[in-house]
C-alpha cells in the first residue's frame, strides 16, 4: 500500500550548470524516468519500485537521484517483527535554471550526461588513479588531462562513487 501525495510546489533551482548532469541522466533513461515518476506520486521502498520496473537499474537510479538531491529518504516503520526499510520520494516537481555558462561548458555537460562513449571511461579511470595517488585538485587534474574543470566536475556528478568537495574531488563510500 503506497501513501499517495503531491509535492506542493517545490522548485529545484539549479545555480551551477554541472548540477544538470543528474537531471539529464534521469530524464534521458526510460527506467530512471519511470522511477522518478513513481516517486513523484508516493513514498516507496526499493523493493516496491523493483516490483514495478526492471529491478537491475533501481539501485543505480536511486544513487543518481540522491546525488542530484532529487529524492529524499526516511525510514518506514515496520510491522511487528520486521526490519525497517528506507523509503523514498521525489523532492521537487518544478525546475528553474539560474546560471549562465559558455557553450563549450554546456556541450561538455550534455556530452557527459548523455554519452556512452568509451573515452569517458578512460578519463574516469585516469582520474580515479590520480585520486588514489592523492591528487584531488580539480584544477591540477584539468591541467594534467587538458580538459576543463567543468568537464571534471560533470564526470564527478555522473559517477556514483565520486563527488566534488570544494576545489577537489573525493571518492565516496557507496554502501547504502
C-alpha atoms as a PDB file:
ATOM      1  CA  UNK A   1       0.000   0.000   0.000  1.00  0.00           C
ATOM      2  CA  UNK A   2       1.538   3.291  -1.097  1.00  0.00           C
ATOM      3  CA  UNK A   3       0.966   6.643   0.549  1.00  0.00           C
ATOM      4  CA  UNK A   4      -0.042   8.968  -2.274  1.00  0.00           C
ATOM      5  CA  UNK A   5       0.922  12.628  -2.020  1.00  0.00           C
ATOM      6  CA  UNK A   6       1.772  15.636  -4.093  1.00  0.00           C
ATOM      7  CA  UNK A   7       4.846  17.752  -3.614  1.00  0.00           C
ATOM      8  CA  UNK A   8       3.432  21.262  -3.127  1.00  0.00           C
ATOM      9  CA  UNK A   9       5.418  23.474  -5.471  1.00  0.00           C
ATOM     10  CA  UNK A  10       8.965  22.530  -4.509  1.00  0.00           C
ATOM     11  CA  UNK A  11      11.259  24.043  -7.129  1.00  0.00           C
ATOM     12  CA  UNK A  12      14.697  22.646  -7.981  1.00  0.00           C
ATOM     13  CA  UNK A  13      16.827  25.745  -8.547  1.00  0.00           C
ATOM     14  CA  UNK A  14      19.990  24.940 -10.463  1.00  0.00           C
ATOM     15  CA  UNK A  15      22.711  27.545  -9.877  1.00  0.00           C
ATOM     16  CA  UNK A  16      25.611  25.578 -11.363  1.00  0.00           C
ATOM     17  CA  UNK A  17      25.321  24.014 -14.826  1.00  0.00           C
ATOM     18  CA  UNK A  18      27.121  20.890 -13.542  1.00  0.00           C
ATOM     19  CA  UNK A  19      24.001  20.169 -11.465  1.00  0.00           C
ATOM     20  CA  UNK A  20      22.219  19.401 -14.749  1.00  0.00           C
ATOM     21  CA  UNK A  21      24.128  16.121 -15.138  1.00  0.00           C
ATOM     22  CA  UNK A  22      21.994  14.006 -12.727  1.00  0.00           C
ATOM     23  CA  UNK A  23      18.805  15.616 -14.077  1.00  0.00           C
ATOM     24  CA  UNK A  24      19.698  14.873 -17.685  1.00  0.00           C
ATOM     25  CA  UNK A  25      20.781  11.337 -16.832  1.00  0.00           C
ATOM     26  CA  UNK A  26      17.490  10.717 -15.034  1.00  0.00           C
ATOM     27  CA  UNK A  27      15.232  12.008 -17.769  1.00  0.00           C
ATOM     28  CA  UNK A  28      17.248  10.523 -20.645  1.00  0.00           C
ATOM     29  CA  UNK A  29      16.782   6.927 -19.415  1.00  0.00           C
ATOM     30  CA  UNK A  30      13.238   5.493 -19.614  1.00  0.00           C
ATOM     31  CA  UNK A  31      13.686   3.349 -16.476  1.00  0.00           C
ATOM     32  CA  UNK A  32      15.180   6.197 -14.435  1.00  0.00           C
ATOM     33  CA  UNK A  33      12.355   8.469 -15.579  1.00  0.00           C
ATOM     34  CA  UNK A  34       9.786   5.865 -14.535  1.00  0.00           C
ATOM     35  CA  UNK A  35      11.395   5.594 -11.069  1.00  0.00           C
ATOM     36  CA  UNK A  36      11.248   9.379 -10.695  1.00  0.00           C
ATOM     37  CA  UNK A  37       7.595   9.435 -11.793  1.00  0.00           C
ATOM     38  CA  UNK A  38       6.715   6.686  -9.288  1.00  0.00           C
ATOM     39  CA  UNK A  39       8.474   8.585  -6.503  1.00  0.00           C
ATOM     40  CA  UNK A  40       6.698  11.771  -7.520  1.00  0.00           C
ATOM     41  CA  UNK A  41       3.400  10.074  -6.628  1.00  0.00           C
ATOM     42  CA  UNK A  42       4.165   8.278  -3.374  1.00  0.00           C
ATOM     43  CA  UNK A  43       6.706   7.143  -0.817  1.00  0.00           C
ATOM     44  CA  UNK A  44       8.123   3.800  -1.981  1.00  0.00           C
ATOM     45  CA  UNK A  45      10.757   1.359  -0.780  1.00  0.00           C
ATOM     46  CA  UNK A  46      13.371  -0.009  -3.148  1.00  0.00           C
ATOM     47  CA  UNK A  47      11.519  -3.357  -3.269  1.00  0.00           C
ATOM     48  CA  UNK A  48       8.236  -1.638  -4.150  1.00  0.00           C
ATOM     49  CA  UNK A  49       9.969   0.165  -7.012  1.00  0.00           C
ATOM     50  CA  UNK A  50      11.599  -3.081  -8.185  1.00  0.00           C
ATOM     51  CA  UNK A  51       8.173  -4.710  -8.357  1.00  0.00           C
ATOM     52  CA  UNK A  52       7.111  -2.153 -10.976  1.00  0.00           C
ATOM     53  CA  UNK A  53      10.186  -1.792 -13.213  1.00  0.00           C
ATOM     54  CA  UNK A  54      13.413  -3.530 -14.286  1.00  0.00           C
ATOM     55  CA  UNK A  55      14.970  -4.300 -10.939  1.00  0.00           C
ATOM     56  CA  UNK A  56      18.580  -4.143 -12.131  1.00  0.00           C
ATOM     57  CA  UNK A  57      18.516  -0.385 -12.687  1.00  0.00           C
ATOM     58  CA  UNK A  58      16.832   0.611  -9.395  1.00  0.00           C
ATOM     59  CA  UNK A  59      19.920   0.841  -7.111  1.00  0.00           C
ATOM     60  CA  UNK A  60      21.879   2.893  -9.673  1.00  0.00           C
ATOM     61  CA  UNK A  61      18.887   5.117 -10.328  1.00  0.00           C
ATOM     62  CA  UNK A  62      18.372   5.796  -6.616  1.00  0.00           C
ATOM     63  CA  UNK A  63      22.076   6.672  -6.252  1.00  0.00           C
ATOM     64  CA  UNK A  64      21.889   9.148  -9.148  1.00  0.00           C
ATOM     65  CA  UNK A  65      18.662  10.666  -7.799  1.00  0.00           C
ATOM     66  CA  UNK A  66      20.199  11.025  -4.318  1.00  0.00           C
ATOM     67  CA  UNK A  67      23.372  12.535  -5.732  1.00  0.00           C
ATOM     68  CA  UNK A  68      21.307  15.105  -7.628  1.00  0.00           C
ATOM     69  CA  UNK A  69      19.260  15.860  -4.487  1.00  0.00           C
ATOM     70  CA  UNK A  70      16.143  14.823  -6.392  1.00  0.00           C
ATOM     71  CA  UNK A  71      14.814  12.412  -3.747  1.00  0.00           C
ATOM     72  CA  UNK A  72      14.518  12.363  -0.005  1.00  0.00           C
ATOM     73  CA  UNK A  73      14.503   9.288   2.171  1.00  0.00           C
ATOM     74  CA  UNK A  74      13.193   8.231   5.540  1.00  0.00           C
ATOM     75  CA  UNK A  75      12.753   5.028   7.491  1.00  0.00           C
ATOM     76  CA  UNK A  76       9.410   3.263   7.163  1.00  0.00           C
ATOM     77  CA  UNK A  77       8.119   1.902  10.447  1.00  0.00           C
ATOM     78  CA  UNK A  78       7.868  -1.863  10.075  1.00  0.00           C
ATOM     79  CA  UNK A  79       5.163  -4.235  11.109  1.00  0.00           C
ATOM     80  CA  UNK A  80       6.000  -6.021  14.371  1.00  0.00           C
ATOM     81  CA  UNK A  81       8.860  -8.480  13.888  1.00  0.00           C
ATOM     82  CA  UNK A  82      10.017  -6.927  10.588  1.00  0.00           C
ATOM     83  CA  UNK A  83      13.030  -4.734   9.821  1.00  0.00           C
ATOM     84  CA  UNK A  84      12.603  -1.045   8.998  1.00  0.00           C
ATOM     85  CA  UNK A  85      13.175  -0.138   5.343  1.00  0.00           C
ATOM     86  CA  UNK A  86      14.212   3.092   3.711  1.00  0.00           C
ATOM     87  CA  UNK A  87      11.529   4.680   1.602  1.00  0.00           C
ATOM     88  CA  UNK A  88      11.985   7.399  -0.977  1.00  0.00           C
ATOM     89  CA  UNK A  89      10.002  10.152  -2.652  1.00  0.00           C
ATOM     90  CA  UNK A  90      10.735  12.866  -5.182  1.00  0.00           C
ATOM     91  CA  UNK A  91      11.700  16.169  -3.633  1.00  0.00           C
ATOM     92  CA  UNK A  92      10.852  18.533  -6.496  1.00  0.00           C
ATOM     93  CA  UNK A  93       8.170  18.881  -9.135  1.00  0.00           C
ATOM     94  CA  UNK A  94       9.377  22.111 -10.768  1.00  0.00           C
ATOM     95  CA  UNK A  95      12.689  23.280 -12.193  1.00  0.00           C
ATOM     96  CA  UNK A  96      14.405  26.648 -12.607  1.00  0.00           C
ATOM     97  CA  UNK A  97      17.818  27.302 -14.141  1.00  0.00           C
ATOM     98  CA  UNK A  98      19.660  30.247 -12.629  1.00  0.00           C
ATOM     99  CA  UNK A  99      23.054  30.226 -14.330  1.00  0.00           C
ATOM    100  CA  UNK A 100      24.993  31.405 -17.315  1.00  0.00           C
ATOM    101  CA  UNK A 101      27.785  29.441 -18.959  1.00  0.00           C
ATOM    102  CA  UNK A 102      29.657  29.366 -22.222  1.00  0.00           C
ATOM    103  CA  UNK A 103      28.565  26.942 -24.923  1.00  0.00           C
ATOM    104  CA  UNK A 104      31.752  24.917 -24.600  1.00  0.00           C
ATOM    105  CA  UNK A 105      30.920  24.122 -20.955  1.00  0.00           C
ATOM    106  CA  UNK A 106      27.303  23.377 -21.869  1.00  0.00           C
ATOM    107  CA  UNK A 107      28.419  20.995 -24.618  1.00  0.00           C
ATOM    108  CA  UNK A 108      30.713  19.218 -22.112  1.00  0.00           C
ATOM    109  CA  UNK A 109      27.823  18.846 -19.662  1.00  0.00           C
ATOM    110  CA  UNK A 110      25.475  17.465 -22.317  1.00  0.00           C
ATOM    111  CA  UNK A 111      28.161  15.086 -23.592  1.00  0.00           C
ATOM    112  CA  UNK A 112      28.907  13.773 -20.098  1.00  0.00           C
ATOM    113  CA  UNK A 113      25.261  13.351 -19.134  1.00  0.00           C
ATOM    114  CA  UNK A 114      24.058  11.728 -22.344  1.00  0.00           C
ATOM    115  CA  UNK A 115      27.052   9.885 -23.812  1.00  0.00           C
ATOM    116  CA  UNK A 116      28.079   6.245 -23.574  1.00  0.00           C
ATOM    117  CA  UNK A 117      31.432   6.982 -25.217  1.00  0.00           C
ATOM    118  CA  UNK A 118      34.273   4.671 -24.178  1.00  0.00           C
ATOM    119  CA  UNK A 119      36.579   7.704 -23.915  1.00  0.00           C
ATOM    120  CA  UNK A 120      34.641   8.804 -20.819  1.00  0.00           C
ATOM    121  CA  UNK A 121      35.508   5.519 -19.119  1.00  0.00           C
ATOM    122  CA  UNK A 122      39.205   6.064 -19.850  1.00  0.00           C
ATOM    123  CA  UNK A 123      39.128   9.597 -18.428  1.00  0.00           C
ATOM    124  CA  UNK A 124      37.310   8.365 -15.300  1.00  0.00           C
ATOM    125  CA  UNK A 125      39.883   5.592 -14.791  1.00  0.00           C
ATOM    126  CA  UNK A 126      42.725   8.113 -15.120  1.00  0.00           C
ATOM    127  CA  UNK A 127      41.095  10.485 -12.632  1.00  0.00           C
ATOM    128  CA  UNK A 128      40.422   7.649 -10.169  1.00  0.00           C
ATOM    129  CA  UNK A 129      44.093   6.702 -10.418  1.00  0.00           C
ATOM    130  CA  UNK A 130      45.088  10.272  -9.573  1.00  0.00           C
ATOM    131  CA  UNK A 131      42.647  10.363  -6.644  1.00  0.00           C
ATOM    132  CA  UNK A 132      44.133   7.144  -5.284  1.00  0.00           C
ATOM    133  CA  UNK A 133      47.592   8.771  -5.511  1.00  0.00           C
ATOM    134  CA  UNK A 134      46.302  11.744  -3.505  1.00  0.00           C
ATOM    135  CA  UNK A 135      45.835  14.273  -6.321  1.00  0.00           C
ATOM    136  CA  UNK A 136      42.294  15.531  -5.796  1.00  0.00           C
ATOM    137  CA  UNK A 137      42.601  19.119  -7.091  1.00  0.00           C
ATOM    138  CA  UNK A 138      40.154  19.799  -9.912  1.00  0.00           C
ATOM    139  CA  UNK A 139      42.492  22.421 -11.403  1.00  0.00           C
ATOM    140  CA  UNK A 140      45.518  20.095 -11.287  1.00  0.00           C
ATOM    141  CA  UNK A 141      43.537  17.277 -12.916  1.00  0.00           C
ATOM    142  CA  UNK A 142      42.216  19.697 -15.519  1.00  0.00           C
ATOM    143  CA  UNK A 143      45.744  20.788 -16.473  1.00  0.00           C
ATOM    144  CA  UNK A 144      47.137  17.250 -16.433  1.00  0.00           C
ATOM    145  CA  UNK A 145      44.482  15.819 -18.784  1.00  0.00           C
ATOM    146  CA  UNK A 146      43.837  19.010 -20.827  1.00  0.00           C
ATOM    147  CA  UNK A 147      40.135  19.065 -20.034  1.00  0.00           C
ATOM    148  CA  UNK A 148      38.066  21.817 -18.462  1.00  0.00           C
ATOM    149  CA  UNK A 149      37.274  21.943 -14.735  1.00  0.00           C
ATOM    150  CA  UNK A 150      33.573  21.827 -15.695  1.00  0.00           C
ATOM    151  CA  UNK A 151      34.216  18.546 -17.528  1.00  0.00           C
ATOM    152  CA  UNK A 152      35.824  17.054 -14.403  1.00  0.00           C
ATOM    153  CA  UNK A 153      33.009  18.281 -12.135  1.00  0.00           C
ATOM    154  CA  UNK A 154      30.460  16.877 -14.587  1.00  0.00           C
ATOM    155  CA  UNK A 155      32.157  13.479 -14.507  1.00  0.00           C
ATOM    156  CA  UNK A 156      32.067  13.560 -10.710  1.00  0.00           C
ATOM    157  CA  UNK A 157      28.301  14.167 -10.862  1.00  0.00           C
ATOM    158  CA  UNK A 158      27.861  11.262 -13.282  1.00  0.00           C
ATOM    159  CA  UNK A 159      29.984   8.695 -11.430  1.00  0.00           C
ATOM    160  CA  UNK A 160      28.159   7.389  -8.356  1.00  0.00           C
ATOM    161  CA  UNK A 161      31.293   6.856  -6.263  1.00  0.00           C
ATOM    162  CA  UNK A 162      32.850  10.278  -6.904  1.00  0.00           C
ATOM    163  CA  UNK A 163      31.836  13.808  -5.884  1.00  0.00           C
ATOM    164  CA  UNK A 164      33.037  17.397  -5.757  1.00  0.00           C
ATOM    165  CA  UNK A 165      34.043  18.844  -2.378  1.00  0.00           C
ATOM    166  CA  UNK A 166      35.237  22.437  -2.522  1.00  0.00           C
ATOM    167  CA  UNK A 167      38.011  22.658  -5.129  1.00  0.00           C
ATOM    168  CA  UNK A 168      38.673  18.923  -5.144  1.00  0.00           C
ATOM    169  CA  UNK A 169      37.225  15.515  -5.863  1.00  0.00           C
ATOM    170  CA  UNK A 170      36.549  12.760  -3.354  1.00  0.00           C
ATOM    171  CA  UNK A 171      35.757   9.070  -3.672  1.00  0.00           C
ATOM    172  CA  UNK A 172      32.542   8.144  -1.884  1.00  0.00           C
ATOM    173  CA  UNK A 173      31.548   5.071   0.054  1.00  0.00           C
ATOM    174  CA  UNK A 174      28.500   3.969  -1.941  1.00  0.00           C
ATOM    175  CA  UNK A 175      27.325   1.404   0.594  1.00  0.00           C
ATOM    176  CA  UNK A 176      23.704   2.066   1.317  1.00  0.00           C
END
